Amino acid sequence: MSGNEGNANDAYWKANVTHIIVSLVIWFVVSYGFGILLVDPLNAIEFGGFKLGFWFAQQGAIYVFLILIAVYAIRMNALDRHHGVDEQ
């Protein structure tokens, strides 16, 4: 293994871990922050006839999780193509 290949692997994994950390931070903020900590201030806002804090705790967090999964898959496919490790 050449030194250049090791740097490419390091860059790939650094980008991968960065994507994971960003996704986990968003997941934490939405589920714990919006659904638990900020529920009272968010309940002052209505969304679709429901209080926003309640909506985030019951529905919004699930939608955000699904979006996170889709975005992660798309970004990882792009990262794989960029580093030449895609499955095609």
C-alpha atoms as a PDB file:
ATOM      1  CA  MET A   1       0.000   0.000   0.000  1.00  0.00           C
ATOM      2  CA  SER A   2       1.410   3.332  -1.052  1.00  0.00           C
ATOM      3  CA  GLY A   3       1.306   6.465   1.054  1.00  0.00           C
ATOM      4  CA  ASN A   4      -1.075   8.106  -1.397  1.00  0.00           C
ATOM      5  CA  GLU A   5      -3.562   5.229  -1.067  1.00  0.00           C
ATOM      6  CA  GLY A   6      -3.448   5.576   2.711  1.00  0.00           C
ATOM      7  CA  ASN A   7      -4.227   9.310   2.410  1.00  0.00           C
ATOM      8  CA  ALA A   8      -7.172   8.526   0.106  1.00  0.00           C
ATOM      9  CA  ASN A   9      -8.514   6.008   2.626  1.00  0.00           C
ATOM     10  CA  ASP A  10      -8.083   8.529   5.437  1.00  0.00           C
ATOM     11  CA  ALA A  11      -9.946  11.199   3.440  1.00  0.00           C
ATOM     12  CA  TYR A  12     -12.773   8.763   2.671  1.00  0.00           C
ATOM     13  CA  TRP A  13     -13.212   7.716   6.297  1.00  0.00           C
ATOM     14  CA  LYS A  14     -12.903  11.268   7.571  1.00  0.00           C
ATOM     15  CA  ALA A  15     -15.729  12.329   5.232  1.00  0.00           C
ATOM     16  CA  ASN A  16     -17.762   9.251   6.216  1.00  0.00           C
ATOM     17  CA  VAL A  17     -17.396   9.942   9.937  1.00  0.00           C
ATOM     18  CA  THR A  18     -18.253  13.614   9.355  1.00  0.00           C
ATOM     19  CA  HIS A  19     -21.505  12.585   7.634  1.00  0.00           C
ATOM     20  CA  ILE A  20     -22.329  10.268  10.527  1.00  0.00           C
ATOM     21  CA  ILE A  21     -21.619  12.917  13.174  1.00  0.00           C
ATOM     22  CA  VAL A  22     -23.725  15.543  11.383  1.00  0.00           C
ATOM     23  CA  SER A  23     -26.595  13.055  11.036  1.00  0.00           C
ATOM     24  CA  LEU A  24     -26.396  12.121  14.720  1.00  0.00           C
ATOM     25  CA  VAL A  25     -26.383  15.771  15.798  1.00  0.00           C
ATOM     26  CA  ILE A  26     -29.469  16.487  13.681  1.00  0.00           C
ATOM     27  CA  TRP A  27     -31.129  13.324  15.047  1.00  0.00           C
ATOM     28  CA  PHE A  28     -30.367  14.380  18.643  1.00  0.00           C
ATOM     29  CA  VAL A  29     -31.553  17.964  18.192  1.00  0.00           C
ATOM     30  CA  VAL A  30     -34.812  16.900  16.567  1.00  0.00           C
ATOM     31  CA  SER A  31     -35.676  13.992  18.853  1.00  0.00           C
ATOM     32  CA  TYR A  32     -34.372  15.182  22.215  1.00  0.00           C
ATOM     33  CA  GLY A  33     -34.273  18.937  21.688  1.00  0.00           C
ATOM     34  CA  PHE A  34     -37.525  19.552  19.804  1.00  0.00           C
ATOM     35  CA  GLY A  35     -39.429  16.568  21.173  1.00  0.00           C
ATOM     36  CA  ILE A  36     -38.498  16.959  24.863  1.00  0.00           C
ATOM     37  CA  LEU A  37     -36.496  20.043  25.865  1.00  0.00           C
ATOM     38  CA  LEU A  38     -38.169  22.656  23.660  1.00  0.00           C
ATOM     39  CA  VAL A  39     -41.664  21.158  23.675  1.00  0.00           C
ATOM     40  CA  ASP A  40     -43.239  23.992  25.708  1.00  0.00           C
ATOM     41  CA  PRO A  41     -41.994  26.883  23.526  1.00  0.00           C
ATOM     42  CA  LEU A  42     -42.810  24.909  20.370  1.00  0.00           C
ATOM     43  CA  ASN A  43     -46.333  24.194  21.617  1.00  0.00           C
ATOM     44  CA  ALA A  44     -47.047  27.928  21.268  1.00  0.00           C
ATOM     45  CA  ILE A  45     -46.916  27.346  17.470  1.00  0.00           C
ATOM     46  CA  GLU A  46     -49.554  25.318  15.666  1.00  0.00           C
ATOM     47  CA  PHE A  47     -48.817  23.099  12.660  1.00  0.00           C
ATOM     48  CA  GLY A  48     -51.640  21.361  10.825  1.00  0.00           C
ATOM     49  CA  GLY A  49     -53.987  21.962  13.737  1.00  0.00           C
ATOM     50  CA  PHE A  50     -51.581  20.454  16.291  1.00  0.00           C
ATOM     51  CA  LYS A  51     -49.134  22.068  18.674  1.00  0.00           C
ATOM     52  CA  LEU A  52     -45.681  21.986  17.076  1.00  0.00           C
ATOM     53  CA  GLY A  53     -43.940  20.439  20.107  1.00  0.00           C
ATOM     54  CA  PHE A  54     -46.455  17.604  20.179  1.00  0.00           C
ATOM     55  CA  TRP A  55     -46.174  17.194  16.398  1.00  0.00           C
ATOM     56  CA  PHE A  56     -42.363  16.910  16.566  1.00  0.00           C
ATOM     57  CA  ALA A  57     -42.551  14.368  19.377  1.00  0.00           C
ATOM     58  CA  GLN A  58     -45.127  12.223  17.564  1.00  0.00           C
ATOM     59  CA  GLN A  59     -44.619  12.735  13.819  1.00  0.00           C
ATOM     60  CA  GLY A  60     -41.915  15.257  12.970  1.00  0.00           C
ATOM     61  CA  ALA A  61     -39.053  13.246  14.388  1.00  0.00           C
ATOM     62  CA  ILE A  62     -40.049  10.226  12.297  1.00  0.00           C
ATOM     63  CA  TYR A  63     -40.148  12.324   9.114  1.00  0.00           C
ATOM     64  CA  VAL A  64     -36.753  13.829   9.917  1.00  0.00           C
ATOM     65  CA  PHE A  65     -35.302  10.342  10.538  1.00  0.00           C
ATOM     66  CA  LEU A  66     -36.556   9.146   7.147  1.00  0.00           C
ATOM     67  CA  ILE A  67     -35.098  12.212   5.460  1.00  0.00           C
ATOM     68  CA  LEU A  68     -31.784  11.655   7.276  1.00  0.00           C
ATOM     69  CA  ILE A  69     -31.631   8.065   6.006  1.00  0.00           C
ATOM     70  CA  ALA A  70     -32.295   9.156   2.418  1.00  0.00           C
ATOM     71  CA  VAL A  71     -29.791  12.031   2.570  1.00  0.00           C
ATOM     72  CA  TYR A  72     -27.140   9.789   4.134  1.00  0.00           C
ATOM     73  CA  ALA A  73     -27.586   7.152   1.415  1.00  0.00           C
ATOM     74  CA  ILE A  74     -27.376   9.767  -1.353  1.00  0.00           C
ATOM     75  CA  ARG A  75     -24.321  11.473   0.152  1.00  0.00           C
ATOM     76  CA  MET A  76     -22.540   8.192   0.782  1.00  0.00           C
ATOM     77  CA  ASN A  77     -23.162   7.066  -2.804  1.00  0.00           C
ATOM     78  CA  ALA A  78     -21.651  10.342  -4.007  1.00  0.00           C
ATOM     79  CA  LEU A  79     -18.710   9.925  -1.629  1.00  0.00           C
ATOM     80  CA  ASP A  80     -18.173   6.340  -2.808  1.00  0.00           C
ATOM     81  CA  ARG A  81     -18.156   7.485  -6.452  1.00  0.00           C
ATOM     82  CA  HIS A  82     -15.776  10.317  -5.625  1.00  0.00           C
ATOM     83  CA  HIS A  83     -13.294   7.913  -4.014  1.00  0.00           C
ATOM     84  CA  GLY A  84     -13.784   5.153  -6.560  1.00  0.00           C
ATOM     85  CA  VAL A  85     -15.286   2.602  -4.196  1.00  0.00           C
ATOM     86  CA  ASP A  86     -18.846   2.587  -5.525  1.00  0.00           C
ATOM     87  CA  GLU A  87     -20.628  -0.663  -6.164  1.00  0.00           C
ATOM     88  CA  GLN A  88     -21.280  -0.133  -9.895  1.00  0.00           C
END
